[in-house]
Amino acid sequence: MSNEGQIRILCVDDHPLMRAGINMVIDSQPDMQVVAQASNGRDAIKCFAEQQPDVTLMDLRLPDMSGIDAMIAIQAKFTEARIIILTTFEGDTEIQRALASGARSYILKSMPCDELADTIRQVHAGRRRIPPQVAEQLAEHLGDETLTEREIEVLRHVSAGNSNKIIADELALSEHTIKGHLKNILSKLGASDRTQAVTIALRRGLLQV
């Protein structure tokens, strides 16, 4: 039963233990309560429409779609939706996409409980909040050249262990063109070889496992 004046929260995470932990943190706060939970993107969209919570905590990686895509779908119908991305992933590419897509904050699951509660209050009050750790990730790669869609596609094939010839065949390109893409990828990522390029791309969220 909802208490008047409390911040109503939707918690979206596919791990039951994580949802239980978040619920414990929120239930310990006198001014907020969890009104609904969802374990995937489709349920999150449905729950939001039914409950229209004040603040939504959205996991980045969900079984059926990304948390960012679920957020975009919600905001297409509810433009004032206040959504916080809560995740273990701190790649600058995902942070940038989340914030550009309308997230009010991007916070890590490793943060202290009181910071989570404070972020919820700030977002509910209409403010945005970027924790220092997240801001550092953004600042570190500020001004970096971005990979093109084709370069990301090539790198995805590299991460699968494919040779230049196989990548060329798969993408209907010449090996010379693939080598050119790889040269650009290494330069943009500051990588010395293919393996390091994949490692950097995974860390920054350019590729997903």
N, C-alpha and C. Protein backbone atom coordinates (compact mmCIF):
# COMPACT_ATOMS: atom_id res chain seq x y z
N MET A 1 0.85 -1.19 0.00
CA MET A 1 0.00 0.00 0.00
C MET A 1 0.89 1.24 0.00
N SER A 2 0.59 2.20 -0.91
CA SER A 2 1.42 3.38 -1.05
C SER A 2 1.13 4.40 0.03
N ASN A 3 2.18 4.99 0.57
CA ASN A 3 2.03 6.06 1.54
C ASN A 3 2.19 7.40 0.83
N GLU A 4 1.28 8.30 1.08
CA GLU A 4 1.30 9.59 0.41
C GLU A 4 2.59 10.34 0.74
N GLY A 5 3.19 10.93 -0.29
CA GLY A 5 4.41 11.69 -0.10
C GLY A 5 5.69 10.90 -0.31
N GLN A 6 5.60 9.58 -0.37
CA GLN A 6 6.79 8.78 -0.60
C GLN A 6 7.16 8.77 -2.09
N ILE A 7 8.45 8.63 -2.36
CA ILE A 7 8.93 8.49 -3.73
C ILE A 7 8.65 7.06 -4.18
N ARG A 8 7.87 6.92 -5.24
CA ARG A 8 7.45 5.60 -5.72
C ARG A 8 8.47 5.12 -6.76
N ILE A 9 9.00 3.92 -6.55
CA ILE A 9 10.13 3.44 -7.35
C ILE A 9 9.82 2.11 -8.04
N LEU A 10 10.21 2.04 -9.32
CA LEU A 10 10.19 0.79 -10.08
C LEU A 10 11.62 0.28 -10.16
N CYS A 11 11.82 -0.97 -9.77
CA CYS A 11 13.15 -1.58 -9.78
C CYS A 11 13.23 -2.63 -10.89
N VAL A 12 14.14 -2.44 -11.83
CA VAL A 12 14.27 -3.35 -12.98
C VAL A 12 15.66 -4.00 -12.96
N ASP A 13 15.70 -5.29 -12.71
CA ASP A 13 16.96 -6.04 -12.68
C ASP A 13 16.64 -7.51 -12.87
N ASP A 14 17.45 -8.23 -13.65
CA ASP A 14 17.14 -9.63 -13.91
C ASP A 14 17.67 -10.57 -12.84
N HIS A 15 18.39 -10.05 -11.84
CA HIS A 15 18.91 -10.89 -10.77
C HIS A 15 18.06 -10.72 -9.51
N PRO A 16 17.36 -11.77 -9.08
CA PRO A 16 16.49 -11.67 -7.90
C PRO A 16 17.20 -11.19 -6.65
N LEU A 17 18.44 -11.64 -6.43
CA LEU A 17 19.17 -11.22 -5.24
C LEU A 17 19.50 -9.73 -5.29
N MET A 18 19.82 -9.24 -6.49
CA MET A 18 20.11 -7.81 -6.62
C MET A 18 18.85 -6.99 -6.36
N ARG A 19 17.71 -7.45 -6.91
CA ARG A 19 16.46 -6.74 -6.65
C ARG A 19 16.14 -6.72 -5.16
N ALA A 20 16.37 -7.87 -4.50
CA ALA A 20 16.10 -7.95 -3.06
C ALA A 20 16.99 -6.98 -2.29
N GLY A 21 18.25 -6.88 -2.69
CA GLY A 21 19.17 -5.97 -2.02
C GLY A 21 18.77 -4.51 -2.21
N ILE A 22 18.39 -4.17 -3.44
CA ILE A 22 17.94 -2.80 -3.73
C ILE A 22 16.69 -2.48 -2.93
N ASN A 23 15.76 -3.45 -2.88
CA ASN A 23 14.52 -3.25 -2.12
C ASN A 23 14.80 -2.99 -0.65
N MET A 24 15.77 -3.71 -0.09
CA MET A 24 16.13 -3.52 1.32
C MET A 24 16.64 -2.09 1.57
N VAL A 25 17.48 -1.63 0.64
CA VAL A 25 18.01 -0.26 0.77
C VAL A 25 16.88 0.75 0.72
N ILE A 26 15.98 0.58 -0.25
CA ILE A 26 14.89 1.54 -0.42
C ILE A 26 13.90 1.47 0.73
N ASP A 27 13.57 0.26 1.17
CA ASP A 27 12.61 0.11 2.27
C ASP A 27 13.14 0.68 3.59
N SER A 28 14.46 0.83 3.67
CA SER A 28 15.04 1.40 4.89
C SER A 28 14.95 2.93 4.90
N GLN A 29 14.53 3.50 3.78
CA GLN A 29 14.39 4.96 3.68
C GLN A 29 12.95 5.35 3.99
N PRO A 30 12.73 6.30 4.88
CA PRO A 30 11.36 6.67 5.26
C PRO A 30 10.57 7.38 4.17
N ASP A 31 11.28 7.91 3.16
CA ASP A 31 10.59 8.72 2.15
C ASP A 31 10.47 8.04 0.80
N MET A 32 10.69 6.71 0.73
CA MET A 32 10.57 6.04 -0.57
C MET A 32 10.14 4.59 -0.41
N GLN A 33 9.58 4.05 -1.47
CA GLN A 33 9.15 2.64 -1.47
C GLN A 33 9.16 2.09 -2.88
N VAL A 34 9.42 0.78 -3.00
CA VAL A 34 9.34 0.08 -4.28
C VAL A 34 7.88 -0.29 -4.53
N VAL A 35 7.33 0.19 -5.63
CA VAL A 35 5.92 -0.10 -5.95
C VAL A 35 5.79 -1.20 -7.00
N ALA A 36 6.89 -1.51 -7.71
CA ALA A 36 6.85 -2.57 -8.72
C ALA A 36 8.26 -3.03 -9.05
N GLN A 37 8.36 -4.28 -9.53
CA GLN A 37 9.64 -4.85 -9.93
C GLN A 37 9.48 -5.53 -11.29
N ALA A 38 10.58 -5.56 -12.05
CA ALA A 38 10.56 -6.23 -13.34
C ALA A 38 11.92 -6.88 -13.56
N SER A 39 11.93 -8.01 -14.28
CA SER A 39 13.18 -8.73 -14.52
C SER A 39 13.63 -8.66 -15.98
N ASN A 40 12.85 -8.00 -16.84
CA ASN A 40 13.26 -7.83 -18.23
C ASN A 40 12.66 -6.53 -18.79
N GLY A 41 13.09 -6.18 -20.00
CA GLY A 41 12.67 -4.92 -20.59
C GLY A 41 11.18 -4.82 -20.87
N ARG A 42 10.61 -5.89 -21.41
CA ARG A 42 9.17 -5.85 -21.74
C ARG A 42 8.32 -5.65 -20.49
N ASP A 43 8.68 -6.38 -19.43
CA ASP A 43 7.93 -6.22 -18.17
C ASP A 43 8.15 -4.83 -17.58
N ALA A 44 9.34 -4.28 -17.77
CA ALA A 44 9.62 -2.93 -17.25
C ALA A 44 8.72 -1.91 -17.92
N ILE A 45 8.57 -2.02 -19.24
CA ILE A 45 7.72 -1.09 -19.99
C ILE A 45 6.26 -1.22 -19.53
N LYS A 46 5.82 -2.47 -19.34
CA LYS A 46 4.45 -2.72 -18.90
C LYS A 46 4.23 -2.19 -17.48
N CYS A 47 5.16 -2.49 -16.58
CA CYS A 47 5.04 -2.04 -15.19
C CYS A 47 5.03 -0.53 -15.09
N PHE A 48 5.87 0.12 -15.91
CA PHE A 48 5.91 1.58 -15.85
C PHE A 48 4.55 2.15 -16.27
N ALA A 49 3.98 1.62 -17.33
CA ALA A 49 2.68 2.12 -17.80
C ALA A 49 1.60 1.92 -16.75
N GLU A 50 1.66 0.80 -16.02
CA GLU A 50 0.64 0.51 -15.01
C GLU A 50 0.82 1.35 -13.75
N GLN A 51 2.07 1.51 -13.30
CA GLN A 51 2.34 2.16 -12.02
C GLN A 51 2.74 3.63 -12.13
N GLN A 52 3.34 4.01 -13.28
CA GLN A 52 3.86 5.36 -13.49
C GLN A 52 4.63 5.85 -12.25
N PRO A 53 5.70 5.17 -11.92
CA PRO A 53 6.49 5.51 -10.72
C PRO A 53 7.16 6.87 -10.85
N ASP A 54 7.60 7.39 -9.72
CA ASP A 54 8.31 8.67 -9.72
C ASP A 54 9.72 8.52 -10.27
N VAL A 55 10.38 7.41 -9.90
CA VAL A 55 11.76 7.15 -10.33
C VAL A 55 11.88 5.66 -10.69
N THR A 56 12.62 5.37 -11.74
CA THR A 56 12.88 3.98 -12.14
C THR A 56 14.37 3.70 -12.07
N LEU A 57 14.72 2.58 -11.43
CA LEU A 57 16.10 2.08 -11.41
C LEU A 57 16.20 1.00 -12.47
N MET A 58 16.98 1.24 -13.51
CA MET A 58 17.02 0.35 -14.67
C MET A 58 18.39 -0.28 -14.84
N ASP A 59 18.45 -1.60 -14.80
CA ASP A 59 19.70 -2.31 -15.07
C ASP A 59 20.07 -2.12 -16.54
N LEU A 60 21.35 -2.10 -16.84
CA LEU A 60 21.79 -1.87 -18.21
C LEU A 60 21.61 -3.10 -19.09
N ARG A 61 21.93 -4.28 -18.55
CA ARG A 61 21.86 -5.51 -19.34
C ARG A 61 20.67 -6.35 -18.88
N LEU A 62 19.70 -6.52 -19.75
CA LEU A 62 18.52 -7.32 -19.45
C LEU A 62 18.43 -8.46 -20.46
N PRO A 63 17.67 -9.53 -20.14
CA PRO A 63 17.66 -10.71 -21.01
C PRO A 63 17.12 -10.46 -22.42
N ASP A 64 16.16 -9.56 -22.55
CA ASP A 64 15.48 -9.39 -23.84
C ASP A 64 15.90 -8.13 -24.60
N MET A 65 16.42 -7.14 -23.93
CA MET A 65 16.86 -5.90 -24.57
C MET A 65 17.75 -5.15 -23.60
N SER A 66 18.41 -4.12 -24.07
CA SER A 66 19.24 -3.33 -23.15
C SER A 66 18.34 -2.43 -22.32
N GLY A 67 18.84 -2.07 -21.14
CA GLY A 67 18.09 -1.16 -20.30
C GLY A 67 17.90 0.19 -20.96
N ILE A 68 18.87 0.59 -21.79
CA ILE A 68 18.75 1.87 -22.51
C ILE A 68 17.60 1.81 -23.50
N ASP A 69 17.46 0.69 -24.21
CA ASP A 69 16.35 0.55 -25.17
C ASP A 69 15.00 0.53 -24.45
N ALA A 70 14.96 -0.13 -23.29
CA ALA A 70 13.72 -0.13 -22.51
C ALA A 70 13.39 1.29 -22.04
N MET A 71 14.41 2.02 -21.63
CA MET A 71 14.22 3.42 -21.20
C MET A 71 13.69 4.26 -22.35
N ILE A 72 14.26 4.10 -23.53
CA ILE A 72 13.82 4.87 -24.70
C ILE A 72 12.35 4.57 -25.01
N ALA A 73 11.96 3.29 -24.91
CA ALA A 73 10.57 2.90 -25.16
C ALA A 73 9.62 3.54 -24.15
N ILE A 74 10.04 3.57 -22.89
CA ILE A 74 9.21 4.19 -21.84
C ILE A 74 9.07 5.68 -22.09
N GLN A 75 10.18 6.34 -22.40
CA GLN A 75 10.16 7.79 -22.57
C GLN A 75 9.44 8.23 -23.84
N ALA A 76 9.28 7.30 -24.79
CA ALA A 76 8.52 7.63 -25.99
C ALA A 76 7.06 7.90 -25.65
N LYS A 77 6.56 7.25 -24.59
CA LYS A 77 5.16 7.43 -24.17
C LYS A 77 5.04 8.34 -22.95
N PHE A 78 6.06 8.29 -22.10
CA PHE A 78 6.04 9.07 -20.85
C PHE A 78 7.29 9.96 -20.84
N THR A 79 7.16 11.13 -21.44
CA THR A 79 8.33 11.99 -21.66
C THR A 79 8.96 12.50 -20.37
N GLU A 80 8.21 12.52 -19.29
CA GLU A 80 8.75 13.02 -18.02
C GLU A 80 9.32 11.91 -17.13
N ALA A 81 9.40 10.70 -17.67
CA ALA A 81 9.92 9.58 -16.88
C ALA A 81 11.33 9.87 -16.39
N ARG A 82 11.54 9.64 -15.09
CA ARG A 82 12.85 9.88 -14.49
C ARG A 82 13.51 8.53 -14.24
N ILE A 83 14.51 8.24 -15.05
CA ILE A 83 15.12 6.90 -15.05
C ILE A 83 16.61 6.99 -14.72
N ILE A 84 17.02 6.15 -13.78
CA ILE A 84 18.42 6.03 -13.38
C ILE A 84 18.95 4.69 -13.88
N ILE A 85 20.04 4.72 -14.63
CA ILE A 85 20.69 3.47 -15.02
C ILE A 85 21.57 3.02 -13.86
N LEU A 86 21.30 1.81 -13.37
CA LEU A 86 22.05 1.25 -12.24
C LEU A 86 22.71 -0.04 -12.73
N THR A 87 24.04 -0.06 -12.77
CA THR A 87 24.72 -1.15 -13.45
C THR A 87 26.11 -1.43 -12.87
N THR A 88 26.68 -2.55 -13.29
CA THR A 88 28.07 -2.87 -12.94
C THR A 88 29.01 -2.39 -14.03
N PHE A 89 28.46 -1.97 -15.18
CA PHE A 89 29.28 -1.62 -16.34
C PHE A 89 29.59 -0.13 -16.36
N GLU A 90 30.89 0.20 -16.53
CA GLU A 90 31.29 1.59 -16.48
C GLU A 90 32.01 2.04 -17.75
N GLY A 91 31.69 1.43 -18.88
CA GLY A 91 32.29 1.85 -20.15
C GLY A 91 31.76 3.20 -20.58
N ASP A 92 32.66 4.07 -21.07
CA ASP A 92 32.24 5.43 -21.40
C ASP A 92 31.23 5.47 -22.54
N THR A 93 31.31 4.51 -23.47
CA THR A 93 30.37 4.50 -24.59
C THR A 93 28.94 4.30 -24.11
N GLU A 94 28.75 3.37 -23.18
CA GLU A 94 27.41 3.11 -22.66
C GLU A 94 26.92 4.27 -21.79
N ILE A 95 27.84 4.88 -21.04
CA ILE A 95 27.46 6.04 -20.23
C ILE A 95 26.96 7.16 -21.14
N GLN A 96 27.71 7.44 -22.20
CA GLN A 96 27.34 8.50 -23.13
C GLN A 96 25.99 8.22 -23.77
N ARG A 97 25.79 6.97 -24.21
CA ARG A 97 24.52 6.63 -24.86
C ARG A 97 23.35 6.75 -23.89
N ALA A 98 23.56 6.29 -22.67
CA ALA A 98 22.49 6.36 -21.66
C ALA A 98 22.09 7.80 -21.37
N LEU A 99 23.08 8.65 -21.14
CA LEU A 99 22.79 10.05 -20.81
C LEU A 99 22.19 10.78 -22.01
N ALA A 100 22.71 10.48 -23.22
CA ALA A 100 22.17 11.12 -24.43
C ALA A 100 20.73 10.67 -24.70
N SER A 101 20.40 9.47 -24.24
CA SER A 101 19.05 8.92 -24.47
C SER A 101 18.06 9.36 -23.41
N GLY A 102 18.52 10.09 -22.40
CA GLY A 102 17.58 10.64 -21.43
C GLY A 102 17.70 10.15 -20.01
N ALA A 103 18.70 9.33 -19.70
CA ALA A 103 18.87 8.88 -18.31
C ALA A 103 19.20 10.10 -17.43
N ARG A 104 18.59 10.14 -16.25
CA ARG A 104 18.85 11.26 -15.33
C ARG A 104 20.13 11.03 -14.52
N SER A 105 20.57 9.78 -14.44
CA SER A 105 21.81 9.46 -13.75
C SER A 105 22.29 8.10 -14.23
N TYR A 106 23.58 7.85 -14.05
CA TYR A 106 24.19 6.57 -14.40
C TYR A 106 25.08 6.20 -13.23
N ILE A 107 24.63 5.24 -12.45
CA ILE A 107 25.36 4.91 -11.23
C ILE A 107 25.74 3.43 -11.19
N LEU A 108 26.78 3.15 -10.44
CA LEU A 108 27.32 1.79 -10.38
C LEU A 108 26.80 1.06 -9.15
N LYS A 109 26.61 -0.24 -9.29
CA LYS A 109 26.08 -1.05 -8.19
C LYS A 109 27.07 -1.16 -7.03
N SER A 110 28.29 -0.76 -7.26
CA SER A 110 29.30 -0.81 -6.21
C SER A 110 29.25 0.41 -5.29
N MET A 111 28.39 1.38 -5.60
CA MET A 111 28.35 2.60 -4.81
C MET A 111 27.70 2.35 -3.45
N PRO A 112 28.03 3.17 -2.44
CA PRO A 112 27.44 3.01 -1.11
C PRO A 112 25.92 3.19 -1.13
N CYS A 113 25.23 2.52 -0.22
CA CYS A 113 23.76 2.56 -0.19
C CYS A 113 23.22 3.98 -0.01
N ASP A 114 23.89 4.78 0.82
CA ASP A 114 23.37 6.12 1.06
C ASP A 114 23.48 7.00 -0.19
N GLU A 115 24.46 6.70 -1.06
CA GLU A 115 24.58 7.45 -2.31
C GLU A 115 23.47 7.09 -3.27
N LEU A 116 23.05 5.82 -3.25
CA LEU A 116 21.92 5.41 -4.08
C LEU A 116 20.67 6.17 -3.65
N ALA A 117 20.40 6.20 -2.36
CA ALA A 117 19.22 6.89 -1.85
C ALA A 117 19.28 8.38 -2.18
N ASP A 118 20.46 8.98 -2.03
CA ASP A 118 20.61 10.40 -2.32
C ASP A 118 20.40 10.70 -3.80
N THR A 119 20.89 9.80 -4.66
CA THR A 119 20.69 9.97 -6.11
C THR A 119 19.21 9.91 -6.46
N ILE A 120 18.49 8.97 -5.86
CA ILE A 120 17.05 8.85 -6.10
C ILE A 120 16.35 10.16 -5.72
N ARG A 121 16.71 10.73 -4.57
CA ARG A 121 16.08 11.98 -4.12
C ARG A 121 16.39 13.12 -5.09
N GLN A 122 17.63 13.20 -5.54
CA GLN A 122 18.01 14.29 -6.45
C GLN A 122 17.29 14.17 -7.79
N VAL A 123 17.21 12.96 -8.32
CA VAL A 123 16.52 12.74 -9.59
C VAL A 123 15.03 13.03 -9.44
N HIS A 124 14.45 12.61 -8.32
CA HIS A 124 13.03 12.88 -8.06
C HIS A 124 12.77 14.38 -8.00
N ALA A 125 13.77 15.14 -7.52
CA ALA A 125 13.63 16.59 -7.42
C ALA A 125 13.87 17.30 -8.76
N GLY A 126 14.16 16.50 -9.81
CA GLY A 126 14.31 17.09 -11.13
C GLY A 126 15.74 17.37 -11.55
N ARG A 127 16.69 16.94 -10.73
CA ARG A 127 18.10 17.19 -11.05
C ARG A 127 18.74 15.95 -11.69
N ARG A 128 19.83 16.18 -12.38
CA ARG A 128 20.64 15.08 -12.90
C ARG A 128 21.83 14.88 -11.97
N ARG A 129 22.34 13.66 -11.92
CA ARG A 129 23.48 13.41 -11.05
C ARG A 129 24.46 12.46 -11.72
N ILE A 130 25.70 12.93 -11.86
CA ILE A 130 26.76 12.10 -12.44
C ILE A 130 27.82 11.91 -11.35
N PRO A 131 27.92 10.71 -10.77
CA PRO A 131 28.91 10.46 -9.72
C PRO A 131 30.33 10.68 -10.24
N PRO A 132 31.27 11.05 -9.37
CA PRO A 132 32.65 11.32 -9.79
C PRO A 132 33.29 10.19 -10.59
N GLN A 133 33.06 8.95 -10.18
CA GLN A 133 33.67 7.80 -10.86
C GLN A 133 33.19 7.71 -12.31
N VAL A 134 31.92 7.99 -12.52
CA VAL A 134 31.35 7.96 -13.87
C VAL A 134 31.85 9.16 -14.68
N ALA A 135 31.92 10.32 -14.04
CA ALA A 135 32.41 11.53 -14.72
C ALA A 135 33.85 11.34 -15.18
N GLU A 136 34.65 10.64 -14.38
CA GLU A 136 36.04 10.38 -14.74
C GLU A 136 36.14 9.53 -16.00
N GLN A 137 35.26 8.54 -16.10
CA GLN A 137 35.25 7.69 -17.30
C GLN A 137 34.93 8.52 -18.54
N LEU A 138 33.97 9.43 -18.42
CA LEU A 138 33.60 10.28 -19.55
C LEU A 138 34.75 11.21 -19.92
N ALA A 139 35.36 11.82 -18.91
CA ALA A 139 36.43 12.79 -19.14
C ALA A 139 37.65 12.14 -19.78
N GLU A 140 37.92 10.88 -19.39
CA GLU A 140 39.11 10.18 -19.89
C GLU A 140 39.09 10.05 -21.41
N HIS A 141 37.89 9.91 -21.98
CA HIS A 141 37.80 9.67 -23.43
C HIS A 141 37.14 10.84 -24.16
N LEU A 142 37.06 11.99 -23.47
CA LEU A 142 36.49 13.18 -24.10
C LEU A 142 37.34 13.57 -25.31
N GLY A 143 36.70 13.70 -26.45
CA GLY A 143 37.43 14.10 -27.65
C GLY A 143 38.00 12.94 -28.44
N ASP A 144 37.88 11.72 -27.92
CA ASP A 144 38.35 10.55 -28.67
C ASP A 144 37.54 10.38 -29.95
N GLU A 145 38.21 9.92 -30.99
CA GLU A 145 37.48 9.59 -32.21
C GLU A 145 36.59 8.37 -31.96
N THR A 146 35.38 8.42 -32.46
CA THR A 146 34.48 7.28 -32.28
C THR A 146 34.63 6.29 -33.44
N LEU A 147 34.41 5.03 -33.14
CA LEU A 147 34.43 4.01 -34.19
C LEU A 147 33.16 4.10 -35.02
N THR A 148 33.30 3.88 -36.31
CA THR A 148 32.12 3.84 -37.18
C THR A 148 31.39 2.51 -36.97
N GLU A 149 30.16 2.45 -37.47
CA GLU A 149 29.40 1.20 -37.37
C GLU A 149 30.13 0.06 -38.05
N ARG A 150 30.74 0.34 -39.20
CA ARG A 150 31.48 -0.68 -39.92
C ARG A 150 32.69 -1.15 -39.12
N GLU A 151 33.40 -0.22 -38.50
CA GLU A 151 34.56 -0.59 -37.70
C GLU A 151 34.16 -1.44 -36.50
N ILE A 152 33.03 -1.11 -35.88
CA ILE A 152 32.54 -1.93 -34.76
C ILE A 152 32.17 -3.31 -35.26
N GLU A 153 31.58 -3.38 -36.45
CA GLU A 153 31.21 -4.67 -37.04
C GLU A 153 32.46 -5.52 -37.29
N VAL A 154 33.50 -4.90 -37.82
CA VAL A 154 34.76 -5.60 -38.05
C VAL A 154 35.35 -6.08 -36.73
N LEU A 155 35.34 -5.22 -35.74
CA LEU A 155 35.90 -5.56 -34.43
C LEU A 155 35.12 -6.70 -33.77
N ARG A 156 33.82 -6.73 -34.00
CA ARG A 156 33.00 -7.81 -33.46
C ARG A 156 33.44 -9.15 -34.05
N HIS A 157 33.76 -9.15 -35.34
CA HIS A 157 34.26 -10.37 -35.99
C HIS A 157 35.64 -10.74 -35.45
N VAL A 158 36.47 -9.73 -35.20
CA VAL A 158 37.80 -9.98 -34.63
C VAL A 158 37.66 -10.63 -33.26
N SER A 159 36.71 -10.13 -32.45
CA SER A 159 36.52 -10.67 -31.10
C SER A 159 36.07 -12.12 -31.14
N ALA A 160 35.46 -12.54 -32.26
CA ALA A 160 35.03 -13.93 -32.42
C ALA A 160 36.18 -14.82 -32.90
N GLY A 161 37.35 -14.21 -33.11
CA GLY A 161 38.52 -14.98 -33.52
C GLY A 161 38.66 -15.19 -35.01
N ASN A 162 37.90 -14.43 -35.80
CA ASN A 162 37.93 -14.61 -37.25
C ASN A 162 39.16 -13.94 -37.88
N SER A 163 39.69 -14.56 -38.92
CA SER A 163 40.83 -14.01 -39.66
C SER A 163 40.34 -12.90 -40.58
N ASN A 164 41.27 -12.12 -41.12
CA ASN A 164 40.90 -11.07 -42.06
C ASN A 164 40.15 -11.62 -43.26
N LYS A 165 40.59 -12.79 -43.75
CA LYS A 165 39.92 -13.38 -44.92
C LYS A 165 38.47 -13.74 -44.61
N ILE A 166 38.26 -14.36 -43.46
CA ILE A 166 36.88 -14.74 -43.09
C ILE A 166 36.03 -13.50 -42.90
N ILE A 167 36.58 -12.46 -42.25
CA ILE A 167 35.83 -11.21 -42.05
C ILE A 167 35.48 -10.59 -43.40
N ALA A 168 36.44 -10.59 -44.31
CA ALA A 168 36.21 -10.03 -45.65
C ALA A 168 35.10 -10.78 -46.36
N ASP A 169 35.12 -12.10 -46.27
CA ASP A 169 34.08 -12.92 -46.91
C ASP A 169 32.72 -12.66 -46.28
N GLU A 170 32.69 -12.58 -44.96
CA GLU A 170 31.42 -12.37 -44.25
C GLU A 170 30.80 -11.01 -44.58
N LEU A 171 31.64 -9.99 -44.73
CA LEU A 171 31.14 -8.64 -44.97
C LEU A 171 31.16 -8.25 -46.44
N ALA A 172 31.55 -9.18 -47.29
CA ALA A 172 31.61 -8.93 -48.75
C ALA A 172 32.52 -7.75 -49.06
N LEU A 173 33.69 -7.74 -48.42
CA LEU A 173 34.69 -6.70 -48.63
C LEU A 173 36.02 -7.36 -48.98
N SER A 174 36.98 -6.57 -49.45
CA SER A 174 38.30 -7.13 -49.75
C SER A 174 39.13 -7.19 -48.48
N GLU A 175 40.13 -8.07 -48.47
CA GLU A 175 41.02 -8.15 -47.31
C GLU A 175 41.76 -6.83 -47.11
N HIS A 176 42.06 -6.16 -48.21
CA HIS A 176 42.74 -4.86 -48.13
C HIS A 176 41.87 -3.85 -47.35
N THR A 177 40.58 -3.87 -47.62
CA THR A 177 39.66 -2.97 -46.92
C THR A 177 39.58 -3.31 -45.44
N ILE A 178 39.56 -4.60 -45.12
CA ILE A 178 39.52 -5.03 -43.71
C ILE A 178 40.78 -4.58 -42.99
N LYS A 179 41.93 -4.71 -43.64
CA LYS A 179 43.19 -4.26 -43.04
C LYS A 179 43.15 -2.76 -42.78
N GLY A 180 42.54 -2.02 -43.69
CA GLY A 180 42.41 -0.58 -43.51
C GLY A 180 41.54 -0.24 -42.31
N HIS A 181 40.43 -0.98 -42.17
CA HIS A 181 39.55 -0.76 -41.01
C HIS A 181 40.29 -1.08 -39.71
N LEU A 182 41.04 -2.17 -39.71
CA LEU A 182 41.77 -2.56 -38.50
C LEU A 182 42.82 -1.53 -38.13
N LYS A 183 43.48 -0.97 -39.12
CA LYS A 183 44.47 0.08 -38.86
C LYS A 183 43.81 1.28 -38.18
N ASN A 184 42.63 1.66 -38.68
CA ASN A 184 41.90 2.78 -38.08
C ASN A 184 41.44 2.46 -36.66
N ILE A 185 40.99 1.22 -36.48
CA ILE A 185 40.51 0.80 -35.15
C ILE A 185 41.63 0.87 -34.13
N LEU A 186 42.81 0.33 -34.48
CA LEU A 186 43.95 0.34 -33.56
C LEU A 186 44.36 1.77 -33.22
N SER A 187 44.32 2.63 -34.22
CA SER A 187 44.70 4.03 -34.01
C SER A 187 43.71 4.74 -33.08
N LYS A 188 42.42 4.57 -33.35
CA LYS A 188 41.38 5.25 -32.55
C LYS A 188 41.36 4.77 -31.10
N LEU A 189 41.63 3.48 -30.90
CA LEU A 189 41.57 2.92 -29.56
C LEU A 189 42.90 2.99 -28.83
N GLY A 190 43.96 3.36 -29.56
CA GLY A 190 45.28 3.39 -28.94
C GLY A 190 45.77 2.00 -28.59
N ALA A 191 45.41 1.04 -29.44
CA ALA A 191 45.77 -0.36 -29.20
C ALA A 191 46.96 -0.76 -30.05
N SER A 192 47.75 -1.70 -29.54
CA SER A 192 48.94 -2.14 -30.27
C SER A 192 48.66 -3.36 -31.16
N ASP A 193 47.59 -4.09 -30.84
CA ASP A 193 47.26 -5.26 -31.66
C ASP A 193 45.77 -5.56 -31.55
N ARG A 194 45.34 -6.60 -32.27
CA ARG A 194 43.92 -6.96 -32.33
C ARG A 194 43.37 -7.33 -30.95
N THR A 195 44.15 -8.12 -30.21
CA THR A 195 43.68 -8.57 -28.89
C THR A 195 43.46 -7.39 -27.96
N GLN A 196 44.40 -6.47 -27.95
CA GLN A 196 44.25 -5.30 -27.08
C GLN A 196 43.07 -4.43 -27.52
N ALA A 197 42.86 -4.34 -28.82
CA ALA A 197 41.73 -3.55 -29.33
C ALA A 197 40.41 -4.12 -28.82
N VAL A 198 40.29 -5.44 -28.84
CA VAL A 198 39.07 -6.09 -28.35
C VAL A 198 38.91 -5.84 -26.85
N THR A 199 40.00 -5.97 -26.10
CA THR A 199 39.97 -5.75 -24.65
C THR A 199 39.51 -4.33 -24.32
N ILE A 200 40.06 -3.35 -25.02
CA ILE A 200 39.69 -1.96 -24.79
C ILE A 200 38.22 -1.73 -25.17
N ALA A 201 37.81 -2.30 -26.29
CA ALA A 201 36.42 -2.12 -26.75
C ALA A 201 35.42 -2.71 -25.78
N LEU A 202 35.75 -3.86 -25.19
CA LEU A 202 34.89 -4.48 -24.20
C LEU A 202 34.80 -3.62 -22.95
N ARG A 203 35.95 -3.10 -22.50
CA ARG A 203 35.98 -2.28 -21.29
C ARG A 203 35.19 -1.00 -21.48
N ARG A 204 35.25 -0.42 -22.66
CA ARG A 204 34.57 0.85 -22.90
C ARG A 204 33.11 0.67 -23.30
N GLY A 205 32.68 -0.57 -23.52
CA GLY A 205 31.30 -0.79 -23.88
C GLY A 205 31.01 -0.70 -25.36
N LEU A 206 32.07 -0.65 -26.18
CA LEU A 206 31.89 -0.63 -27.63
C LEU A 206 31.45 -1.99 -28.14
N LEU A 207 31.89 -3.03 -27.46
CA LEU A 207 31.48 -4.40 -27.73
C LEU A 207 30.85 -4.96 -26.48
N GLN A 208 29.93 -5.90 -26.65
CA GLN A 208 29.31 -6.57 -25.51
C GLN A 208 29.49 -8.07 -25.65
N VAL A 209 29.77 -8.72 -24.52
CA VAL A 209 29.95 -10.18 -24.55
C VAL A 209 28.58 -10.84 -24.51
